[in-house]
Amino acid sequence: SLGEAGISLGISIIGGFAVGILTAFVNRWLQTLLLSVRAS
């Protein structure tokens, strides 16, 4: 199904961007937290 393949590709790309942004933000937040409590 061409339609299902297109939807699958769109979800895969958009979801990948969202997860990458989320984990990078969490990683940066953890770095800032450790630095603020002088545990880094």
PDB file of all heavy atoms in Angstrom:
ATOM      1  N   SER A   1       0.848  -1.184   0.000  1.00  0.00           N
ATOM      2  CA  SER A   1       0.000   0.000   0.000  1.00  0.00           C
ATOM      3  C   SER A   1       0.885   1.236   0.000  1.00  0.00           C
ATOM      4  O   SER A   1       1.659   1.457   0.951  1.00  0.00           O
ATOM      5  CB  SER A   1      -0.924   0.006   1.232  1.00  0.00           C
ATOM      6  OG  SER A   1      -1.598   1.246   1.323  1.00  0.00           O
ATOM      7  N   LEU A   2       0.787   2.043  -1.066  1.00  0.00           N
ATOM      8  CA  LEU A   2       1.592   3.262  -1.165  1.00  0.00           C
ATOM      9  C   LEU A   2       1.202   4.255  -0.081  1.00  0.00           C
ATOM     10  O   LEU A   2       2.058   4.929   0.503  1.00  0.00           O
ATOM     11  CB  LEU A   2       1.412   3.883  -2.549  1.00  0.00           C
ATOM     12  CG  LEU A   2       2.224   5.150  -2.838  1.00  0.00           C
ATOM     13  CD1 LEU A   2       3.719   4.856  -2.732  1.00  0.00           C
ATOM     14  CD2 LEU A   2       1.888   5.701  -4.218  1.00  0.00           C
ATOM     15  N   GLY A   3      -0.091   4.357   0.215  1.00  0.00           N
ATOM     16  CA  GLY A   3      -0.544   5.284   1.251  1.00  0.00           C
ATOM     17  C   GLY A   3       0.005   4.916   2.620  1.00  0.00           C
ATOM     18  O   GLY A   3       0.486   5.787   3.358  1.00  0.00           O
ATOM     19  N   GLU A   4      -0.058   3.624   2.965  1.00  0.00           N
ATOM     20  CA  GLU A   4       0.468   3.191   4.254  1.00  0.00           C
ATOM     21  C   GLU A   4       1.976   3.418   4.341  1.00  0.00           C
ATOM     22  O   GLU A   4       2.498   3.792   5.395  1.00  0.00           O
ATOM     23  CB  GLU A   4       0.144   1.721   4.480  1.00  0.00           C
ATOM     24  CG  GLU A   4      -1.338   1.442   4.717  1.00  0.00           C
ATOM     25  CD  GLU A   4      -1.604  -0.026   4.976  1.00  0.00           C
ATOM     26  OE1 GLU A   4      -0.621  -0.799   5.028  1.00  0.00           O
ATOM     27  OE2 GLU A   4      -2.777  -0.407   5.117  1.00  0.00           O
ATOM     28  N   ALA A   5       2.668   3.192   3.207  1.00  0.00           N
ATOM     29  CA  ALA A   5       4.112   3.412   3.207  1.00  0.00           C
ATOM     30  C   ALA A   5       4.441   4.888   3.422  1.00  0.00           C
ATOM     31  O   ALA A   5       5.366   5.229   4.168  1.00  0.00           O
ATOM     32  CB  ALA A   5       4.705   2.925   1.882  1.00  0.00           C
ATOM     33  N   GLY A   6       3.675   5.783   2.778  1.00  0.00           N
ATOM     34  CA  GLY A   6       3.900   7.215   2.953  1.00  0.00           C
ATOM     35  C   GLY A   6       3.622   7.661   4.374  1.00  0.00           C
ATOM     36  O   GLY A   6       4.381   8.453   4.953  1.00  0.00           O
ATOM     37  N   ILE A   7       2.525   7.166   4.951  1.00  0.00           N
ATOM     38  CA  ILE A   7       2.199   7.519   6.345  1.00  0.00           C
ATOM     39  C   ILE A   7       3.269   6.998   7.292  1.00  0.00           C
ATOM     40  O   ILE A   7       3.693   7.699   8.229  1.00  0.00           O
ATOM     41  CB  ILE A   7       0.814   6.950   6.715  1.00  0.00           C
ATOM     42  CG1 ILE A   7      -0.277   7.659   5.899  1.00  0.00           C
ATOM     43  CG2 ILE A   7       0.557   7.109   8.210  1.00  0.00           C
ATOM     44  CD1 ILE A   7      -1.648   7.044   6.070  1.00  0.00           C
ATOM     45  N   SER A   8       3.720   5.777   7.053  1.00  0.00           N
ATOM     46  CA  SER A   8       4.762   5.188   7.897  1.00  0.00           C
ATOM     47  C   SER A   8       6.045   6.003   7.837  1.00  0.00           C
ATOM     48  O   SER A   8       6.687   6.253   8.868  1.00  0.00           O
ATOM     49  CB  SER A   8       5.031   3.750   7.455  1.00  0.00           C
ATOM     50  OG  SER A   8       6.111   3.192   8.172  1.00  0.00           O
ATOM     51  N   LEU A   9       6.413   6.464   6.638  1.00  0.00           N
ATOM     52  CA  LEU A   9       7.613   7.277   6.490  1.00  0.00           C
ATOM     53  C   LEU A   9       7.470   8.610   7.212  1.00  0.00           C
ATOM     54  O   LEU A   9       8.386   9.049   7.920  1.00  0.00           O
ATOM     55  CB  LEU A   9       7.901   7.506   5.006  1.00  0.00           C
ATOM     56  CG  LEU A   9       9.108   8.392   4.677  1.00  0.00           C
ATOM     57  CD1 LEU A   9      10.387   7.764   5.213  1.00  0.00           C
ATOM     58  CD2 LEU A   9       9.216   8.615   3.170  1.00  0.00           C
ATOM     59  N   GLY A  10       6.312   9.256   7.069  1.00  0.00           N
ATOM     60  CA  GLY A  10       6.093  10.540   7.734  1.00  0.00           C
ATOM     61  C   GLY A  10       6.141  10.419   9.249  1.00  0.00           C
ATOM     62  O   GLY A  10       6.794  11.233   9.926  1.00  0.00           O
ATOM     63  N   ILE A  11       5.469   9.401   9.786  1.00  0.00           N
ATOM     64  CA  ILE A  11       5.471   9.196  11.238  1.00  0.00           C
ATOM     65  C   ILE A  11       6.882   8.892  11.726  1.00  0.00           C
ATOM     66  O   ILE A  11       7.318   9.390  12.774  1.00  0.00           O
ATOM     67  CB  ILE A  11       4.506   8.062  11.613  1.00  0.00           C
ATOM     68  CG1 ILE A  11       3.062   8.485  11.331  1.00  0.00           C
ATOM     69  CG2 ILE A  11       4.671   7.669  13.083  1.00  0.00           C
ATOM     70  CD1 ILE A  11       2.047   7.381  11.547  1.00  0.00           C
ATOM     71  N   SER A  12       7.609   8.071  10.958  1.00  0.00           N
ATOM     72  CA  SER A  12       8.970   7.692  11.354  1.00  0.00           C
ATOM     73  C   SER A  12       9.884   8.908  11.440  1.00  0.00           C
ATOM     74  O   SER A  12      10.645   9.059  12.401  1.00  0.00           O
ATOM     75  CB  SER A  12       9.509   6.670  10.356  1.00  0.00           C
ATOM     76  OG  SER A  12      10.819   6.294  10.689  1.00  0.00           O
ATOM     77  N   ILE A  13       9.788   9.803  10.450  1.00  0.00           N
ATOM     78  CA  ILE A  13      10.677  10.974  10.427  1.00  0.00           C
ATOM     79  C   ILE A  13      10.288  11.989  11.492  1.00  0.00           C
ATOM     80  O   ILE A  13      11.136  12.451  12.269  1.00  0.00           O
ATOM     81  CB  ILE A  13      10.650  11.609   9.028  1.00  0.00           C
ATOM     82  CG1 ILE A  13      11.288  10.670   8.005  1.00  0.00           C
ATOM     83  CG2 ILE A  13      11.384  12.954   9.030  1.00  0.00           C
ATOM     84  CD1 ILE A  13      11.191  11.158   6.584  1.00  0.00           C
ATOM     85  N   ILE A  14       8.993  12.333  11.547  1.00  0.00           N
ATOM     86  CA  ILE A  14       8.542  13.334  12.525  1.00  0.00           C
ATOM     87  C   ILE A  14       8.778  12.834  13.948  1.00  0.00           C
ATOM     88  O   ILE A  14       9.250  13.576  14.824  1.00  0.00           O
ATOM     89  CB  ILE A  14       7.055  13.667  12.296  1.00  0.00           C
ATOM     90  CG1 ILE A  14       6.878  14.344  10.927  1.00  0.00           C
ATOM     91  CG2 ILE A  14       6.532  14.577  13.401  1.00  0.00           C
ATOM     92  CD1 ILE A  14       5.434  14.551  10.523  1.00  0.00           C
ATOM     93  N   GLY A  15       8.446  11.566  14.190  1.00  0.00           N
ATOM     94  CA  GLY A  15       8.674  10.990  15.512  1.00  0.00           C
ATOM     95  C   GLY A  15      10.150  10.963  15.875  1.00  0.00           C
ATOM     96  O   GLY A  15      10.520  11.219  17.030  1.00  0.00           O
ATOM     97  N   GLY A  16      11.018  10.652  14.891  1.00  0.00           N
ATOM     98  CA  GLY A  16      12.449  10.651  15.152  1.00  0.00           C
ATOM     99  C   GLY A  16      12.959  12.025  15.542  1.00  0.00           C
ATOM    100  O   GLY A  16      13.766  12.165  16.469  1.00  0.00           O
ATOM    101  N   PHE A  17      12.483  13.062  14.829  1.00  0.00           N
ATOM    102  CA  PHE A  17      12.866  14.432  15.186  1.00  0.00           C
ATOM    103  C   PHE A  17      12.417  14.763  16.609  1.00  0.00           C
ATOM    104  O   PHE A  17      13.183  15.346  17.388  1.00  0.00           O
ATOM    105  CB  PHE A  17      12.245  15.418  14.196  1.00  0.00           C
ATOM    106  CG  PHE A  17      13.122  15.738  13.026  1.00  0.00           C
ATOM    107  CD1 PHE A  17      13.005  15.038  11.834  1.00  0.00           C
ATOM    108  CD2 PHE A  17      14.080  16.733  13.106  1.00  0.00           C
ATOM    109  CE1 PHE A  17      13.812  15.316  10.751  1.00  0.00           C
ATOM    110  CE2 PHE A  17      14.903  17.029  12.031  1.00  0.00           C
ATOM    111  CZ  PHE A  17      14.768  16.321  10.849  1.00  0.00           C
ATOM    112  N   ALA A  18      11.201  14.387  16.959  1.00  0.00           N
ATOM    113  CA  ALA A  18      10.669  14.710  18.286  1.00  0.00           C
ATOM    114  C   ALA A  18      11.467  14.012  19.384  1.00  0.00           C
ATOM    115  O   ALA A  18      11.812  14.634  20.409  1.00  0.00           O
ATOM    116  CB  ALA A  18       9.197  14.309  18.361  1.00  0.00           C
ATOM    117  N   VAL A  19      11.774  12.739  19.187  1.00  0.00           N
ATOM    118  CA  VAL A  19      12.529  11.992  20.198  1.00  0.00           C
ATOM    119  C   VAL A  19      13.943  12.564  20.333  1.00  0.00           C
ATOM    120  O   VAL A  19      14.463  12.708  21.449  1.00  0.00           O
ATOM    121  CB  VAL A  19      12.575  10.496  19.825  1.00  0.00           C
ATOM    122  CG1 VAL A  19      13.551   9.746  20.745  1.00  0.00           C
ATOM    123  CG2 VAL A  19      11.194   9.879  19.930  1.00  0.00           C
ATOM    124  N   GLY A  20      14.587  12.896  19.210  1.00  0.00           N
ATOM    125  CA  GLY A  20      15.928  13.472  19.270  1.00  0.00           C
ATOM    126  C   GLY A  20      15.957  14.787  20.028  1.00  0.00           C
ATOM    127  O   GLY A  20      16.860  15.031  20.844  1.00  0.00           O
ATOM    128  N   ILE A  21      14.981  15.643  19.777  1.00  0.00           N
ATOM    129  CA  ILE A  21      14.897  16.931  20.481  1.00  0.00           C
ATOM    130  C   ILE A  21      14.654  16.703  21.971  1.00  0.00           C
ATOM    131  O   ILE A  21      15.271  17.344  22.830  1.00  0.00           O
ATOM    132  CB  ILE A  21      13.779  17.795  19.872  1.00  0.00           C
ATOM    133  CG1 ILE A  21      14.157  18.203  18.440  1.00  0.00           C
ATOM    134  CG2 ILE A  21      13.531  19.037  20.727  1.00  0.00           C
ATOM    135  CD1 ILE A  21      13.031  18.870  17.684  1.00  0.00           C
ATOM    136  N   LEU A  22      13.760  15.749  22.290  1.00  0.00           N
ATOM    137  CA  LEU A  22      13.431  15.476  23.690  1.00  0.00           C
ATOM    138  C   LEU A  22      14.637  14.963  24.465  1.00  0.00           C
ATOM    139  O   LEU A  22      14.944  15.473  25.550  1.00  0.00           O
ATOM    140  CB  LEU A  22      12.290  14.448  23.744  1.00  0.00           C
ATOM    141  CG  LEU A  22      11.909  13.943  25.142  1.00  0.00           C
ATOM    142  CD1 LEU A  22      11.369  15.087  25.992  1.00  0.00           C
ATOM    143  CD2 LEU A  22      10.900  12.805  25.051  1.00  0.00           C
ATOM    144  N   THR A  23      15.339  13.976  23.928  1.00  0.00           N
ATOM    145  CA  THR A  23      16.464  13.398  24.669  1.00  0.00           C
ATOM    146  C   THR A  23      17.625  14.389  24.779  1.00  0.00           C
ATOM    147  O   THR A  23      18.321  14.419  25.804  1.00  0.00           O
ATOM    148  CB  THR A  23      16.944  12.108  23.991  1.00  0.00           C
ATOM    149  OG1 THR A  23      17.235  12.364  22.609  1.00  0.00           O
ATOM    150  CG2 THR A  23      15.895  11.018  24.092  1.00  0.00           C
ATOM    151  N   ALA A  24      17.842  15.211  23.749  1.00  0.00           N
ATOM    152  CA  ALA A  24      18.894  16.231  23.837  1.00  0.00           C
ATOM    153  C   ALA A  24      18.550  17.254  24.914  1.00  0.00           C
ATOM    154  O   ALA A  24      19.427  17.696  25.677  1.00  0.00           O
ATOM    155  CB  ALA A  24      19.077  16.916  22.489  1.00  0.00           C
ATOM    156  N   PHE A  25      17.260  17.620  25.012  1.00  0.00           N
ATOM    157  CA  PHE A  25      16.824  18.559  26.045  1.00  0.00           C
ATOM    158  C   PHE A  25      16.995  17.950  27.440  1.00  0.00           C
ATOM    159  O   PHE A  25      17.484  18.616  28.362  1.00  0.00           O
ATOM    160  CB  PHE A  25      15.361  18.930  25.819  1.00  0.00           C
ATOM    161  CG  PHE A  25      14.749  19.751  26.919  1.00  0.00           C
ATOM    162  CD1 PHE A  25      15.007  21.106  27.024  1.00  0.00           C
ATOM    163  CD2 PHE A  25      13.928  19.147  27.869  1.00  0.00           C
ATOM    164  CE1 PHE A  25      14.454  21.857  28.053  1.00  0.00           C
ATOM    165  CE2 PHE A  25      13.375  19.890  28.896  1.00  0.00           C
ATOM    166  CZ  PHE A  25      13.638  21.250  28.992  1.00  0.00           C
ATOM    167  N   VAL A  26      16.601  16.680  27.600  1.00  0.00           N
ATOM    168  CA  VAL A  26      16.743  16.014  28.900  1.00  0.00           C
ATOM    169  C   VAL A  26      18.216  15.905  29.286  1.00  0.00           C
ATOM    170  O   VAL A  26      18.601  16.129  30.439  1.00  0.00           O
ATOM    171  CB  VAL A  26      16.082  14.622  28.860  1.00  0.00           C
ATOM    172  CG1 VAL A  26      16.412  13.831  30.128  1.00  0.00           C
ATOM    173  CG2 VAL A  26      14.574  14.757  28.704  1.00  0.00           C
ATOM    174  N   ASN A  27      19.061  15.568  28.301  1.00  0.00           N
ATOM    175  CA  ASN A  27      20.490  15.462  28.566  1.00  0.00           C
ATOM    176  C   ASN A  27      21.061  16.800  29.021  1.00  0.00           C
ATOM    177  O   ASN A  27      21.839  16.860  29.982  1.00  0.00           O
ATOM    178  CB  ASN A  27      21.198  14.980  27.294  1.00  0.00           C
ATOM    179  CG  ASN A  27      22.702  14.836  27.478  1.00  0.00           C
ATOM    180  OD1 ASN A  27      23.460  15.768  27.263  1.00  0.00           O
ATOM    181  ND2 ASN A  27      23.129  13.641  27.871  1.00  0.00           N
ATOM    182  N   ARG A  28      20.652  17.877  28.351  1.00  0.00           N
ATOM    183  CA  ARG A  28      21.134  19.202  28.722  1.00  0.00           C
ATOM    184  C   ARG A  28      20.605  19.612  30.097  1.00  0.00           C
ATOM    185  O   ARG A  28      21.329  20.227  30.896  1.00  0.00           O
ATOM    186  CB  ARG A  28      20.693  20.222  27.661  1.00  0.00           C
ATOM    187  CG  ARG A  28      21.289  21.600  27.850  1.00  0.00           C
ATOM    188  CD  ARG A  28      22.792  21.545  27.781  1.00  0.00           C
ATOM    189  NE  ARG A  28      23.407  22.820  28.145  1.00  0.00           N
ATOM    190  CZ  ARG A  28      24.669  22.961  28.465  1.00  0.00           C
ATOM    191  NH1 ARG A  28      25.470  21.917  28.488  1.00  0.00           N
ATOM    192  NH2 ARG A  28      25.160  24.140  28.764  1.00  0.00           N
ATOM    193  N   TRP A  29      19.371  19.234  30.395  1.00  0.00           N
ATOM    194  CA  TRP A  29      18.786  19.550  31.707  1.00  0.00           C
ATOM    195  C   TRP A  29      19.537  18.831  32.822  1.00  0.00           C
ATOM    196  O   TRP A  29      19.805  19.414  33.885  1.00  0.00           O
ATOM    197  CB  TRP A  29      17.312  19.167  31.703  1.00  0.00           C
ATOM    198  CG  TRP A  29      16.646  19.379  33.035  1.00  0.00           C
ATOM    199  CD1 TRP A  29      16.211  20.561  33.562  1.00  0.00           C
ATOM    200  CD2 TRP A  29      16.360  18.367  34.018  1.00  0.00           C
ATOM    201  NE1 TRP A  29      15.666  20.351  34.809  1.00  0.00           N
ATOM    202  CE2 TRP A  29      15.746  19.027  35.115  1.00  0.00           C
ATOM    203  CE3 TRP A  29      16.564  16.996  34.067  1.00  0.00           C
ATOM    204  CZ2 TRP A  29      15.336  18.322  36.244  1.00  0.00           C
ATOM    205  CZ3 TRP A  29      16.151  16.293  35.195  1.00  0.00           C
ATOM    206  CH2 TRP A  29      15.553  16.962  36.272  1.00  0.00           C
ATOM    207  N   LEU A  30      19.893  17.569  32.589  1.00  0.00           N
ATOM    208  CA  LEU A  30      20.653  16.819  33.589  1.00  0.00           C
ATOM    209  C   LEU A  30      22.029  17.435  33.812  1.00  0.00           C
ATOM    210  O   LEU A  30      22.508  17.516  34.944  1.00  0.00           O
ATOM    211  CB  LEU A  30      20.791  15.361  33.157  1.00  0.00           C
ATOM    212  CG  LEU A  30      19.528  14.489  33.263  1.00  0.00           C
ATOM    213  CD1 LEU A  30      19.775  13.120  32.649  1.00  0.00           C
ATOM    214  CD2 LEU A  30      19.097  14.350  34.722  1.00  0.00           C
ATOM    215  N   GLN A  31      22.660  17.875  32.729  1.00  0.00           N
ATOM    216  CA  GLN A  31      23.963  18.537  32.865  1.00  0.00           C
ATOM    217  C   GLN A  31      23.849  19.807  33.700  1.00  0.00           C
ATOM    218  O   GLN A  31      24.672  20.065  34.584  1.00  0.00           O
ATOM    219  CB  GLN A  31      24.524  18.874  31.483  1.00  0.00           C
ATOM    220  CG  GLN A  31      25.050  17.679  30.710  1.00  0.00           C
ATOM    221  CD  GLN A  31      25.596  18.091  29.365  1.00  0.00           C
ATOM    222  OE1 GLN A  31      24.991  18.875  28.639  1.00  0.00           O
ATOM    223  NE2 GLN A  31      26.752  17.549  29.004  1.00  0.00           N
ATOM    224  N   THR A  32      22.816  20.600  33.422  1.00  0.00           N
ATOM    225  CA  THR A  32      22.612  21.844  34.168  1.00  0.00           C
ATOM    226  C   THR A  32      22.307  21.557  35.632  1.00  0.00           C
ATOM    227  O   THR A  32      22.801  22.257  36.535  1.00  0.00           O
ATOM    228  CB  THR A  32      21.446  22.635  33.541  1.00  0.00           C
ATOM    229  OG1 THR A  32      21.712  22.850  32.156  1.00  0.00           O
ATOM    230  CG2 THR A  32      21.276  23.979  34.230  1.00  0.00           C
ATOM    231  N   LEU A  33      21.506  20.515  35.890  1.00  0.00           N
ATOM    232  CA  LEU A  33      21.163  20.152  37.260  1.00  0.00           C
ATOM    233  C   LEU A  33      22.402  19.727  38.043  1.00  0.00           C
ATOM    234  O   LEU A  33      22.615  20.174  39.186  1.00  0.00           O
ATOM    235  CB  LEU A  33      20.125  19.027  37.253  1.00  0.00           C
ATOM    236  CG  LEU A  33      19.690  18.488  38.628  1.00  0.00           C
ATOM    237  CD1 LEU A  33      18.985  19.580  39.431  1.00  0.00           C
ATOM    238  CD2 LEU A  33      18.791  17.261  38.472  1.00  0.00           C
ATOM    239  N   LEU A  34      23.231  18.868  37.460  1.00  0.00           N
ATOM    240  CA  LEU A  34      24.449  18.421  38.137  1.00  0.00           C
ATOM    241  C   LEU A  34      25.396  19.590  38.386  1.00  0.00           C
ATOM    242  O   LEU A  34      26.058  19.666  39.429  1.00  0.00           O
ATOM    243  CB  LEU A  34      25.145  17.341  37.313  1.00  0.00           C
ATOM    244  CG  LEU A  34      24.428  15.987  37.206  1.00  0.00           C
ATOM    245  CD1 LEU A  34      25.167  15.069  36.235  1.00  0.00           C
ATOM    246  CD2 LEU A  34      24.323  15.336  38.577  1.00  0.00           C
ATOM    247  N   LEU A  35      25.438  20.501  37.411  1.00  0.00           N
ATOM    248  CA  LEU A  35      26.318  21.657  37.558  1.00  0.00           C
ATOM    249  C   LEU A  35      25.819  22.598  38.650  1.00  0.00           C
ATOM    250  O   LEU A  35      26.603  23.172  39.413  1.00  0.00           O
ATOM    251  CB  LEU A  35      26.419  22.400  36.225  1.00  0.00           C
ATOM    252  CG  LEU A  35      27.509  23.466  36.084  1.00  0.00           C
ATOM    253  CD1 LEU A  35      28.892  22.824  36.250  1.00  0.00           C
ATOM    254  CD2 LEU A  35      27.408  24.169  34.743  1.00  0.00           C
ATOM    255  N   SER A  36      24.489  22.747  38.753  1.00  0.00           N
ATOM    256  CA  SER A  36      23.920  23.676  39.743  1.00  0.00           C
ATOM    257  C   SER A  36      24.129  23.198  41.179  1.00  0.00           C
ATOM    258  O   SER A  36      24.246  24.018  42.096  1.00  0.00           O
ATOM    259  CB  SER A  36      22.425  23.873  39.466  1.00  0.00           C
ATOM    260  OG  SER A  36      21.729  22.659  39.654  1.00  0.00           O
ATOM    261  N   VAL A  37      24.168  21.866  41.365  1.00  0.00           N
ATOM    262  CA  VAL A  37      24.373  21.330  42.727  1.00  0.00           C
ATOM    263  C   VAL A  37      25.846  20.971  42.957  1.00  0.00           C
ATOM    264  O   VAL A  37      26.186  20.324  43.952  1.00  0.00           O
ATOM    265  CB  VAL A  37      23.476  20.101  42.974  1.00  0.00           C
ATOM    266  CG1 VAL A  37      22.017  20.477  42.896  1.00  0.00           C
ATOM    267  CG2 VAL A  37      23.798  18.977  41.985  1.00  0.00           C
ATOM    268  N   ARG A  38      26.699  21.373  42.007  1.00  0.00           N
ATOM    269  CA  ARG A  38      28.135  21.145  42.084  1.00  0.00           C
ATOM    270  C   ARG A  38      28.472  19.658  42.215  1.00  0.00           C
ATOM    271  O   ARG A  38      29.361  19.263  42.982  1.00  0.00           O
ATOM    272  CB  ARG A  38      28.738  21.930  43.255  1.00  0.00           C
ATOM    273  CG  ARG A  38      28.599  23.439  43.096  1.00  0.00           C
ATOM    274  CD  ARG A  38      29.277  24.202  44.205  1.00  0.00           C
ATOM    275  NE  ARG A  38      29.152  25.638  44.000  1.00  0.00           N
ATOM    276  CZ  ARG A  38      29.669  26.547  44.815  1.00  0.00           C
ATOM    277  NH1 ARG A  38      30.357  26.172  45.892  1.00  0.00           N
ATOM    278  NH2 ARG A  38      29.506  27.838  44.561  1.00  0.00           N
ATOM    279  N   ALA A  39      27.732  18.826  41.477  1.00  0.00           N
ATOM    280  CA  ALA A  39      27.975  17.380  41.471  1.00  0.00           C
ATOM    281  C   ALA A  39      28.485  16.903  40.122  1.00  0.00           C
ATOM    282  O   ALA A  39      28.508  15.710  39.853  1.00  0.00           O
ATOM    283  CB  ALA A  39      26.684  16.637  41.836  1.00  0.00           C
ATOM    284  N   SER A  40      28.871  17.853  39.280  1.00  0.00           N
ATOM    285  CA  SER A  40      29.292  17.488  37.934  1.00  0.00           C
ATOM    286  C   SER A  40      30.811  17.409  37.854  1.00  0.00           C
ATOM    287  O   SER A  40      31.521  18.193  38.475  1.00  0.00           O
ATOM    288  CB  SER A  40      28.777  18.523  36.921  1.00  0.00           C
ATOM    289  OG  SER A  40      29.134  18.172  35.615  1.00  0.00           O
TER     290      SER A  40
END
